[in-house]
């Protein structure tokens, strides 16, 4: 897998995530699944999934591969839909910028270190991880009675 291959996969997953998010009502975004152990003062399940998606990309790619020391602070529980989408887009722009700078290189572990986890695996896992959670978001929206577009 090259950086160019990863860019295509990342664009594919994020475009579908944003398309689904744009179709959701605030009520669906904040919908809490029935639970025998409800979390007090916890944002809705979809908000928690979106936070997890961003954290995975920032942690695996921005901090581990790109070696960022500082990362953006945010509170997804207080953000409106436009702010959440903007956060997802800012996060992805950084990832794609790094990939574009490395688009013709094979994605191996950076800095000459040997590791069992190659950059290609990390890139694939982060994009596939988002696609997996997109299925959860769609299911939760449907459980709340909201139709979602076919992506």
C-alpha atoms as a PDB file:
ATOM      1  CA  UNK A   1       0.000   0.000   0.000  1.00  0.00           C
ATOM      2  CA  UNK A   2       1.304   3.445  -0.940  1.00  0.00           C
ATOM      3  CA  UNK A   3       0.256   6.800   0.454  1.00  0.00           C
ATOM      4  CA  UNK A   4      -1.835   7.332  -2.688  1.00  0.00           C
ATOM      5  CA  UNK A   5      -3.771   4.110  -2.038  1.00  0.00           C
ATOM      6  CA  UNK A   6      -4.403   5.167   1.553  1.00  0.00           C
ATOM      7  CA  UNK A   7      -5.599   8.633   0.480  1.00  0.00           C
ATOM      8  CA  UNK A   8      -8.314   7.045  -1.681  1.00  0.00           C
ATOM      9  CA  UNK A   9      -9.467   4.815   1.174  1.00  0.00           C
ATOM     10  CA  UNK A  10      -9.479   7.715   3.648  1.00  0.00           C
ATOM     11  CA  UNK A  11     -11.498   9.926   1.286  1.00  0.00           C
ATOM     12  CA  UNK A  12     -13.960   7.087   0.725  1.00  0.00           C
ATOM     13  CA  UNK A  13     -14.612   6.473   4.437  1.00  0.00           C
ATOM     14  CA  UNK A  14     -14.762  10.112   5.531  1.00  0.00           C
ATOM     15  CA  UNK A  15     -17.077  11.163   2.691  1.00  0.00           C
ATOM     16  CA  UNK A  16     -19.541   8.474   3.759  1.00  0.00           C
ATOM     17  CA  UNK A  17     -19.290   9.387   7.435  1.00  0.00           C
ATOM     18  CA  UNK A  18     -20.027  13.035   6.678  1.00  0.00           C
ATOM     19  CA  UNK A  19     -22.907  12.132   4.350  1.00  0.00           C
ATOM     20  CA  UNK A  20     -24.532  10.116   7.150  1.00  0.00           C
ATOM     21  CA  UNK A  21     -23.883  12.836   9.751  1.00  0.00           C
ATOM     22  CA  UNK A  22     -25.455  15.496   7.555  1.00  0.00           C
ATOM     23  CA  UNK A  23     -28.651  13.443   7.488  1.00  0.00           C
ATOM     24  CA  UNK A  24     -28.928  13.114  11.283  1.00  0.00           C
ATOM     25  CA  UNK A  25     -31.098  15.203  13.549  1.00  0.00           C
ATOM     26  CA  UNK A  26     -29.715  16.553  16.827  1.00  0.00           C
ATOM     27  CA  UNK A  27     -32.042  14.140  18.625  1.00  0.00           C
ATOM     28  CA  UNK A  28     -30.442  11.209  16.819  1.00  0.00           C
ATOM     29  CA  UNK A  29     -26.933  12.533  17.444  1.00  0.00           C
ATOM     30  CA  UNK A  30     -27.750  12.678  21.161  1.00  0.00           C
ATOM     31  CA  UNK A  31     -29.791   9.447  21.288  1.00  0.00           C
ATOM     32  CA  UNK A  32     -28.813   7.219  24.183  1.00  0.00           C
ATOM     33  CA  UNK A  33     -29.307   3.517  23.731  1.00  0.00           C
ATOM     34  CA  UNK A  34     -31.369   1.770  26.401  1.00  0.00           C
ATOM     35  CA  UNK A  35     -28.975   0.426  29.005  1.00  0.00           C
ATOM     36  CA  UNK A  36     -29.081  -1.330  32.328  1.00  0.00           C
ATOM     37  CA  UNK A  37     -25.959   0.654  33.235  1.00  0.00           C
ATOM     38  CA  UNK A  38     -26.587   4.172  31.898  1.00  0.00           C
ATOM     39  CA  UNK A  39     -23.665   6.573  31.986  1.00  0.00           C
ATOM     40  CA  UNK A  40     -24.394   9.755  33.890  1.00  0.00           C
ATOM     41  CA  UNK A  41     -23.785  12.985  31.987  1.00  0.00           C
ATOM     42  CA  UNK A  42     -22.536  11.021  28.998  1.00  0.00           C
ATOM     43  CA  UNK A  43     -23.064  12.300  25.471  1.00  0.00           C
ATOM     44  CA  UNK A  44     -25.240  10.261  23.140  1.00  0.00           C
ATOM     45  CA  UNK A  45     -23.815   7.075  21.688  1.00  0.00           C
ATOM     46  CA  UNK A  46     -23.177   8.577  18.242  1.00  0.00           C
ATOM     47  CA  UNK A  47     -21.212  11.464  19.770  1.00  0.00           C
ATOM     48  CA  UNK A  48     -19.098   8.955  21.715  1.00  0.00           C
ATOM     49  CA  UNK A  49     -18.418   6.967  18.541  1.00  0.00           C
ATOM     50  CA  UNK A  50     -17.388  10.123  16.663  1.00  0.00           C
ATOM     51  CA  UNK A  51     -15.039  11.101  19.484  1.00  0.00           C
ATOM     52  CA  UNK A  52     -13.557   7.593  19.344  1.00  0.00           C
ATOM     53  CA  UNK A  53     -13.058   7.852  15.553  1.00  0.00           C
ATOM     54  CA  UNK A  54     -11.164  11.141  15.949  1.00  0.00           C
ATOM     55  CA  UNK A  55      -9.124   9.817  18.880  1.00  0.00           C
ATOM     56  CA  UNK A  56      -8.087   6.732  16.898  1.00  0.00           C
ATOM     57  CA  UNK A  57      -6.899   8.793  13.936  1.00  0.00           C
ATOM     58  CA  UNK A  58      -5.075  11.315  16.109  1.00  0.00           C
ATOM     59  CA  UNK A  59      -3.505   8.669  18.339  1.00  0.00           C
ATOM     60  CA  UNK A  60      -2.420   6.169  15.713  1.00  0.00           C
ATOM     61  CA  UNK A  61      -1.515   8.522  12.880  1.00  0.00           C
ATOM     62  CA  UNK A  62      -0.867  12.042  14.157  1.00  0.00           C
ATOM     63  CA  UNK A  63       0.954  11.085  17.348  1.00  0.00           C
ATOM     64  CA  UNK A  64       2.566   7.732  16.503  1.00  0.00           C
ATOM     65  CA  UNK A  65       3.464   8.168  12.831  1.00  0.00           C
ATOM     66  CA  UNK A  66       3.598  11.949  12.389  1.00  0.00           C
ATOM     67  CA  UNK A  67       5.163  12.425  15.852  1.00  0.00           C
ATOM     68  CA  UNK A  68       2.891  15.340  16.816  1.00  0.00           C
ATOM     69  CA  UNK A  69       3.464  16.441  20.389  1.00  0.00           C
ATOM     70  CA  UNK A  70       0.416  18.695  20.697  1.00  0.00           C
ATOM     71  CA  UNK A  71      -3.057  17.776  19.522  1.00  0.00           C
ATOM     72  CA  UNK A  72      -6.234  19.799  19.316  1.00  0.00           C
ATOM     73  CA  UNK A  73      -8.460  19.817  22.377  1.00  0.00           C
ATOM     74  CA  UNK A  74     -12.199  19.538  21.846  1.00  0.00           C
ATOM     75  CA  UNK A  75     -15.375  18.599  23.686  1.00  0.00           C
ATOM     76  CA  UNK A  76     -17.569  16.737  21.232  1.00  0.00           C
ATOM     77  CA  UNK A  77     -20.441  16.651  23.740  1.00  0.00           C
ATOM     78  CA  UNK A  78     -20.960  20.415  23.331  1.00  0.00           C
ATOM     79  CA  UNK A  79     -20.332  20.695  19.584  1.00  0.00           C
ATOM     80  CA  UNK A  80     -23.070  21.192  17.029  1.00  0.00           C
ATOM     81  CA  UNK A  81     -23.137  19.129  13.838  1.00  0.00           C
ATOM     82  CA  UNK A  82     -21.177  21.679  11.785  1.00  0.00           C
ATOM     83  CA  UNK A  83     -18.434  21.805  14.421  1.00  0.00           C
ATOM     84  CA  UNK A  84     -18.226  18.009  14.572  1.00  0.00           C
ATOM     85  CA  UNK A  85     -17.956  17.765  10.782  1.00  0.00           C
ATOM     86  CA  UNK A  86     -15.297  20.513  10.795  1.00  0.00           C
ATOM     87  CA  UNK A  87     -13.318  18.575  13.434  1.00  0.00           C
ATOM     88  CA  UNK A  88     -13.525  15.389  11.345  1.00  0.00           C
ATOM     89  CA  UNK A  89     -12.398  17.329   8.266  1.00  0.00           C
ATOM     90  CA  UNK A  90      -9.477  19.074  10.052  1.00  0.00           C
ATOM     91  CA  UNK A  91      -8.290  15.754  11.412  1.00  0.00           C
ATOM     92  CA  UNK A  92      -8.464  14.101   7.995  1.00  0.00           C
ATOM     93  CA  UNK A  93      -6.749  17.018   6.214  1.00  0.00           C
ATOM     94  CA  UNK A  94      -3.670  16.512   8.414  1.00  0.00           C
ATOM     95  CA  UNK A  95      -3.642  12.785   7.704  1.00  0.00           C
ATOM     96  CA  UNK A  96      -4.049  13.227   3.942  1.00  0.00           C
ATOM     97  CA  UNK A  97      -1.363  15.949   3.872  1.00  0.00           C
ATOM     98  CA  UNK A  98       1.126  13.511   5.418  1.00  0.00           C
ATOM     99  CA  UNK A  99       0.036  10.757   3.043  1.00  0.00           C
ATOM    100  CA  UNK A 100       0.327  13.088   0.044  1.00  0.00           C
ATOM    101  CA  UNK A 101       3.880  13.961   1.072  1.00  0.00           C
ATOM    102  CA  UNK A 102       4.602  10.221   1.184  1.00  0.00           C
ATOM    103  CA  UNK A 103       2.319   9.096  -1.648  1.00  0.00           C
ATOM    104  CA  UNK A 104       4.940   7.301  -3.707  1.00  0.00           C
ATOM    105  CA  UNK A 105       6.685   5.591  -0.808  1.00  0.00           C
ATOM    106  CA  UNK A 106       5.786   2.174   0.497  1.00  0.00           C
ATOM    107  CA  UNK A 107       4.227   2.671   3.904  1.00  0.00           C
ATOM    108  CA  UNK A 108       6.671   0.940   6.192  1.00  0.00           C
ATOM    109  CA  UNK A 109       7.540   1.817   9.766  1.00  0.00           C
ATOM    110  CA  UNK A 110       9.051   5.321   9.818  1.00  0.00           C
ATOM    111  CA  UNK A 111      12.474   6.347  11.087  1.00  0.00           C
ATOM    112  CA  UNK A 112      14.093   3.033  10.155  1.00  0.00           C
ATOM    113  CA  UNK A 113      12.772   1.243  13.224  1.00  0.00           C
ATOM    114  CA  UNK A 114      11.626  -2.333  12.965  1.00  0.00           C
ATOM    115  CA  UNK A 115       8.198  -3.098  14.316  1.00  0.00           C
ATOM    116  CA  UNK A 116       5.512  -5.669  13.820  1.00  0.00           C
ATOM    117  CA  UNK A 117       2.999  -2.936  13.028  1.00  0.00           C
ATOM    118  CA  UNK A 118       3.767  -1.305   9.697  1.00  0.00           C
ATOM    119  CA  UNK A 119       2.450   2.116   8.695  1.00  0.00           C
ATOM    120  CA  UNK A 120       0.387   0.453   5.951  1.00  0.00           C
ATOM    121  CA  UNK A 121      -1.406  -1.657   8.563  1.00  0.00           C
ATOM    122  CA  UNK A 122      -2.049   1.390  10.769  1.00  0.00           C
ATOM    123  CA  UNK A 123      -3.437   3.389   7.832  1.00  0.00           C
ATOM    124  CA  UNK A 124      -5.658   0.526   6.715  1.00  0.00           C
ATOM    125  CA  UNK A 125      -6.834  -0.148  10.265  1.00  0.00           C
ATOM    126  CA  UNK A 126      -7.773   3.494  10.964  1.00  0.00           C
ATOM    127  CA  UNK A 127      -9.783   3.790   7.726  1.00  0.00           C
ATOM    128  CA  UNK A 128     -11.426   0.374   8.163  1.00  0.00           C
ATOM    129  CA  UNK A 129     -12.115   1.212  11.809  1.00  0.00           C
ATOM    130  CA  UNK A 130     -14.122   4.273  10.745  1.00  0.00           C
ATOM    131  CA  UNK A 131     -16.087   2.215   8.211  1.00  0.00           C
ATOM    132  CA  UNK A 132     -16.939  -0.293  10.959  1.00  0.00           C
ATOM    133  CA  UNK A 133     -18.186   2.449  13.289  1.00  0.00           C
ATOM    134  CA  UNK A 134     -20.159   4.020  10.445  1.00  0.00           C
ATOM    135  CA  UNK A 135     -22.244   0.848  10.471  1.00  0.00           C
ATOM    136  CA  UNK A 136     -22.881   1.355  14.184  1.00  0.00           C
ATOM    137  CA  UNK A 137     -23.870   4.991  13.650  1.00  0.00           C
ATOM    138  CA  UNK A 138     -26.317   3.959  10.933  1.00  0.00           C
ATOM    139  CA  UNK A 139     -27.817   1.221  13.116  1.00  0.00           C
ATOM    140  CA  UNK A 140     -28.258   3.591  16.087  1.00  0.00           C
ATOM    141  CA  UNK A 141     -29.892   6.201  13.844  1.00  0.00           C
ATOM    142  CA  UNK A 142     -32.282   3.581  12.474  1.00  0.00           C
ATOM    143  CA  UNK A 143     -33.073   2.405  16.037  1.00  0.00           C
ATOM    144  CA  UNK A 144     -34.046   6.005  16.791  1.00  0.00           C
ATOM    145  CA  UNK A 145     -36.425   5.953  13.830  1.00  0.00           C
ATOM    146  CA  UNK A 146     -34.302   8.059  11.506  1.00  0.00           C
ATOM    147  CA  UNK A 147     -33.684   7.051   7.932  1.00  0.00           C
ATOM    148  CA  UNK A 148     -30.142   7.357   6.678  1.00  0.00           C
ATOM    149  CA  UNK A 149     -28.897   7.629   3.105  1.00  0.00           C
ATOM    150  CA  UNK A 150     -27.446   4.602   1.400  1.00  0.00           C
ATOM    151  CA  UNK A 151     -23.716   5.149   1.252  1.00  0.00           C
END
